[in-house]
Amino acid sequence: MQRLFAILVSTVILGAQAPADIAVHWVTYVEMPPAAKKTAVTAFKQYRDTSSKEEGFIRLELFEQIGRAGHLTVIESWANQKALDAHAAAAHTKEWRSKVDAIRLSDYDQRPYKTLAVGPAPGAANTKAVFVFTHVDIGGQGMNAPELLKRLADASRKDEGNLRFDILQNATRANHFTILETWRSRQALDAHAAAQHTRQFRDAVGPLSGSPVDERIYEVAE
């Protein structure tokens, strides 16, 4: 499986951490004109800071794709669906969307996720760390995919240099998963990629895949 490399733009972790079995998430993809990137990042920081004061807030993260300036990914995590629904209806959320809509080139592609397997909360952003996103689409015969992914997460969190290994499951398309990984260095990621449990996962999930793995490379957007 080819890897996705990302460097975190910004992460805020405030308030009590939610139990993993009820936390919900938004993963959003949006393309901005390169010249409007700074405007978008500034608007995101304001959106994140205001959101952090809401009940049920866990974290908001922003990424930019390497080699494709203005291609942004926003990851939001909330304690439960009630908190996310309240956030969605908030005036400042609508204001954020209005600012984005005024400058975006693509649709604001927002996808709902639920938690499948989440480890300890990631710490503060480390620009030397490697952030990996992998989208896995399982075909109709992949009934054991969640168990395969959970086993991968459990084993990978024990790998040297792992800082985060979370699995999200699409809330409306149960055969779609997103893996969020953070590694202390590229060397740690390479060692993980060569580990026996990683190879076993690839061999097991390959025949179940419904589409090619979604590959994206990111960098800091400032």
Protein backbone atom coordinates (compact mmCIF):
# COMPACT_ATOMS: atom_id res chain seq x y z
CA MET A 1 0.00 0.00 0.00
CA GLN A 2 1.40 3.36 -0.91
CA ARG A 3 1.57 5.93 1.85
CA LEU A 4 0.22 9.45 2.29
CA PHE A 5 2.44 12.00 3.95
CA ALA A 6 1.13 15.10 5.71
CA ILE A 7 2.48 17.75 8.06
CA LEU A 8 -0.01 19.22 10.46
CA VAL A 9 -0.92 22.84 10.00
CA SER A 10 -2.36 23.40 13.45
CA THR A 11 -3.94 21.37 16.22
CA VAL A 12 -5.82 22.60 19.25
CA ILE A 13 -6.75 20.14 21.98
CA LEU A 14 -8.93 21.75 24.64
CA GLY A 15 -11.39 20.42 27.16
CA ALA A 16 -12.06 16.87 28.27
CA GLN A 17 -11.36 14.12 25.79
CA ALA A 18 -14.44 12.22 24.67
CA PRO A 19 -14.82 8.46 25.04
CA ALA A 20 -13.69 6.86 21.82
CA ASP A 21 -16.93 4.96 21.29
CA ILE A 22 -19.10 8.07 20.88
CA ALA A 23 -16.78 10.65 19.32
CA VAL A 24 -17.81 11.82 15.83
CA HIS A 25 -15.88 13.59 13.12
CA TRP A 26 -16.05 15.65 9.96
CA VAL A 27 -13.39 15.20 7.28
CA THR A 28 -13.64 17.96 4.68
CA TYR A 29 -11.81 18.53 1.39
CA VAL A 30 -11.83 21.91 -0.33
CA GLU A 31 -9.70 23.60 -2.99
CA MET A 32 -8.76 27.27 -2.69
CA PRO A 33 -7.00 29.54 -5.19
CA PRO A 34 -3.33 29.58 -4.15
CA ALA A 35 -3.48 33.34 -3.76
CA ALA A 36 -6.33 32.95 -1.24
CA LYS A 37 -4.58 30.36 0.93
CA LYS A 38 -3.54 32.79 3.66
CA THR A 39 -7.06 34.17 3.82
CA ALA A 40 -8.41 30.66 4.22
CA VAL A 41 -5.88 29.73 6.92
CA THR A 42 -6.64 32.90 8.88
CA ALA A 43 -10.38 32.19 8.64
CA PHE A 44 -9.78 28.62 9.79
CA LYS A 45 -7.82 29.73 12.86
CA GLN A 46 -10.67 32.05 13.84
CA TYR A 47 -13.16 29.23 13.27
CA ARG A 48 -11.06 26.81 15.32
CA ASP A 49 -10.56 29.23 18.20
CA THR A 50 -14.26 30.03 18.47
CA SER A 51 -15.21 26.36 18.12
CA SER A 52 -12.87 25.44 20.97
CA LYS A 53 -15.21 27.23 23.37
CA GLU A 54 -18.18 25.03 22.42
CA GLU A 55 -19.33 22.12 24.53
CA GLY A 56 -18.07 18.82 23.18
CA PHE A 57 -15.14 20.25 21.23
CA ILE A 58 -12.16 17.89 20.93
CA ARG A 59 -9.96 19.30 18.16
CA LEU A 60 -9.81 20.89 14.70
CA GLU A 61 -6.91 20.26 12.30
CA LEU A 62 -5.99 21.76 8.94
CA PHE A 63 -3.73 20.34 6.21
CA GLU A 64 -2.54 21.43 2.74
CA GLN A 65 -1.58 19.03 -0.02
CA ILE A 66 2.05 19.10 -1.11
CA GLY A 67 2.48 20.23 -4.70
CA ARG A 68 -1.12 21.44 -4.92
CA ALA A 69 -1.28 24.80 -3.17
CA GLY A 70 -4.70 25.59 -1.78
CA HIS A 71 -5.90 21.97 -1.58
CA LEU A 72 -6.97 21.81 2.07
CA THR A 73 -8.27 19.10 4.36
CA VAL A 74 -10.07 19.95 7.59
CA ILE A 75 -10.53 17.32 10.31
CA GLU A 76 -12.96 18.05 13.14
CA SER A 77 -13.58 15.85 16.19
CA TRP A 78 -16.52 16.27 18.57
CA ALA A 79 -17.57 14.40 21.70
CA ASN A 80 -20.88 13.17 20.30
CA GLN A 81 -23.48 13.78 17.61
CA LYS A 82 -25.43 16.23 19.77
CA ALA A 83 -22.36 18.45 20.13
CA LEU A 84 -21.64 18.25 16.41
CA ASP A 85 -25.23 19.11 15.52
CA ALA A 86 -25.12 22.16 17.81
CA HIS A 87 -21.81 23.19 16.26
CA ALA A 88 -23.21 22.80 12.74
CA ALA A 89 -26.04 25.18 13.62
CA ALA A 90 -23.79 27.78 15.27
CA ALA A 91 -23.54 31.23 13.70
CA HIS A 92 -19.74 31.15 13.57
CA THR A 93 -19.81 27.82 11.70
CA LYS A 94 -22.05 29.36 9.07
CA GLU A 95 -19.73 32.38 8.97
CA TRP A 96 -16.75 30.08 8.33
CA ARG A 97 -18.58 28.39 5.50
CA SER A 98 -19.53 31.77 4.06
CA LYS A 99 -15.90 32.88 4.03
CA VAL A 100 -14.84 29.62 2.40
CA ASP A 101 -17.65 29.74 -0.18
CA ALA A 102 -16.55 33.21 -1.24
CA ILE A 103 -13.10 32.00 -2.34
CA ARG A 104 -13.23 28.23 -2.92
CA LEU A 105 -12.70 26.61 -6.32
CA SER A 106 -14.24 23.23 -5.49
CA ASP A 107 -17.21 22.06 -3.49
CA TYR A 108 -16.87 22.00 0.31
CA ASP A 109 -16.76 18.20 0.40
CA GLN A 110 -17.64 17.40 4.02
CA ARG A 111 -17.92 13.75 5.06
CA PRO A 112 -19.26 12.46 8.40
CA TYR A 113 -17.29 9.83 10.31
CA LYS A 114 -17.63 7.84 13.48
CA THR A 115 -14.84 6.43 15.60
CA LEU A 116 -13.71 2.90 14.88
CA ALA A 117 -10.41 2.83 16.78
CA VAL A 118 -8.77 5.86 18.43
CA GLY A 119 -5.71 5.87 20.66
CA PRO A 120 -4.40 8.55 23.04
CA ALA A 121 -4.98 12.12 21.92
CA PRO A 122 -2.12 13.48 19.77
CA GLY A 123 0.06 16.11 21.40
CA ALA A 124 1.04 19.53 20.12
CA ALA A 125 2.03 19.88 16.50
CA ASN A 126 5.57 18.76 15.65
CA THR A 127 6.71 20.01 12.26
CA LYS A 128 9.34 17.27 12.08
CA ALA A 129 6.77 14.53 12.46
CA VAL A 130 5.26 12.67 9.52
CA PHE A 131 1.47 12.66 9.23
CA VAL A 132 -0.09 9.93 7.12
CA PHE A 133 -3.66 9.75 5.81
CA THR A 134 -4.95 6.65 4.07
CA HIS A 135 -8.43 6.15 2.64
CA VAL A 136 -9.53 2.51 2.44
CA ASP A 137 -12.59 1.53 0.41
CA ILE A 138 -13.71 -2.05 1.07
CA GLY A 139 -15.80 -4.03 -1.41
CA GLY A 140 -18.97 -5.93 -0.60
CA GLN A 141 -17.13 -8.99 0.68
CA GLY A 142 -15.10 -7.05 3.25
CA MET A 143 -17.19 -7.88 6.30
CA ASN A 144 -14.08 -8.41 8.44
CA ALA A 145 -12.47 -5.11 7.46
CA PRO A 146 -13.17 -3.31 10.77
CA GLU A 147 -11.48 -6.12 12.70
CA LEU A 148 -8.49 -6.05 10.34
CA LEU A 149 -8.16 -2.30 10.79
CA LYS A 150 -8.46 -2.51 14.58
CA ARG A 151 -5.73 -5.14 14.73
CA LEU A 152 -3.52 -2.96 12.54
CA ALA A 153 -4.10 0.02 14.83
CA ASP A 154 -3.36 -1.95 18.00
CA ALA A 155 -0.10 -3.31 16.60
CA SER A 156 1.00 -0.05 14.97
CA ARG A 157 0.62 2.01 18.16
CA LYS A 158 3.35 -0.19 19.66
CA ASP A 159 5.78 0.59 16.83
CA GLU A 160 8.69 2.81 17.78
CA GLY A 161 8.04 6.43 16.84
CA ASN A 162 4.26 6.18 16.55
CA LEU A 163 2.44 9.24 17.90
CA ARG A 164 -1.03 8.60 16.54
CA PHE A 165 -2.91 5.80 14.81
CA ASP A 166 -6.65 6.39 14.49
CA ILE A 167 -9.25 4.66 12.34
CA LEU A 168 -12.44 6.50 11.33
CA GLN A 169 -15.41 4.84 9.65
CA ASN A 170 -17.69 6.79 7.33
CA ALA A 171 -21.03 7.32 9.06
CA THR A 172 -23.12 6.87 5.90
CA ARG A 173 -20.92 4.52 3.87
CA ALA A 174 -19.79 1.84 6.30
CA ASN A 175 -17.30 0.32 3.86
CA HIS A 176 -15.21 3.51 3.71
CA PHE A 177 -12.46 4.13 6.28
CA THR A 178 -9.84 6.80 6.88
CA ILE A 179 -6.60 6.01 8.72
CA LEU A 180 -4.87 8.93 10.48
CA GLU A 181 -1.26 8.29 11.46
CA THR A 182 1.50 10.42 12.99
CA TRP A 183 5.13 9.28 13.14
CA ARG A 184 8.05 10.92 14.90
CA SER A 185 10.19 10.70 11.75
CA ARG A 186 10.29 9.33 8.22
CA GLN A 187 12.58 6.58 9.50
CA ALA A 188 9.90 5.48 11.97
CA LEU A 189 7.31 5.44 9.19
CA ASP A 190 9.57 3.41 6.93
CA ALA A 191 10.16 0.86 9.73
CA HIS A 192 6.40 0.62 10.27
CA ALA A 193 5.81 0.10 6.55
CA ALA A 194 8.22 -2.83 6.60
CA ALA A 195 6.82 -4.36 9.80
CA GLN A 196 5.27 -7.81 9.63
CA HIS A 197 1.87 -6.68 10.92
CA THR A 198 1.71 -3.96 8.23
CA ARG A 199 2.53 -6.42 5.47
CA GLN A 200 -0.03 -8.87 6.82
CA PHE A 201 -2.68 -6.14 6.77
CA ARG A 202 -1.88 -5.24 3.17
CA ASP A 203 -2.08 -8.85 2.08
CA ALA A 204 -5.41 -9.33 3.85
CA VAL A 205 -7.09 -6.10 2.75
CA GLY A 206 -5.87 -6.09 -0.86
CA PRO A 207 -8.46 -8.58 -2.18
CA LEU A 208 -11.21 -6.69 -0.33
CA SER A 209 -10.44 -3.23 -1.72
CA GLY A 210 -13.22 -1.62 -3.69
CA SER A 211 -11.01 1.08 -5.23
CA PRO A 212 -7.37 2.20 -5.33
CA VAL A 213 -6.01 3.69 -2.12
CA ASP A 214 -6.50 7.47 -1.97
CA GLU A 215 -3.03 9.04 -1.87
CA ARG A 216 -2.32 12.62 -0.84
CA ILE A 217 0.83 14.39 0.32
CA TYR A 218 0.59 17.46 2.56
CA GLU A 219 2.70 20.26 4.01
CA VAL A 220 2.34 23.11 6.46
CA ALA A 221 0.10 25.92 5.22
CA GLU A 222 1.08 29.22 6.79
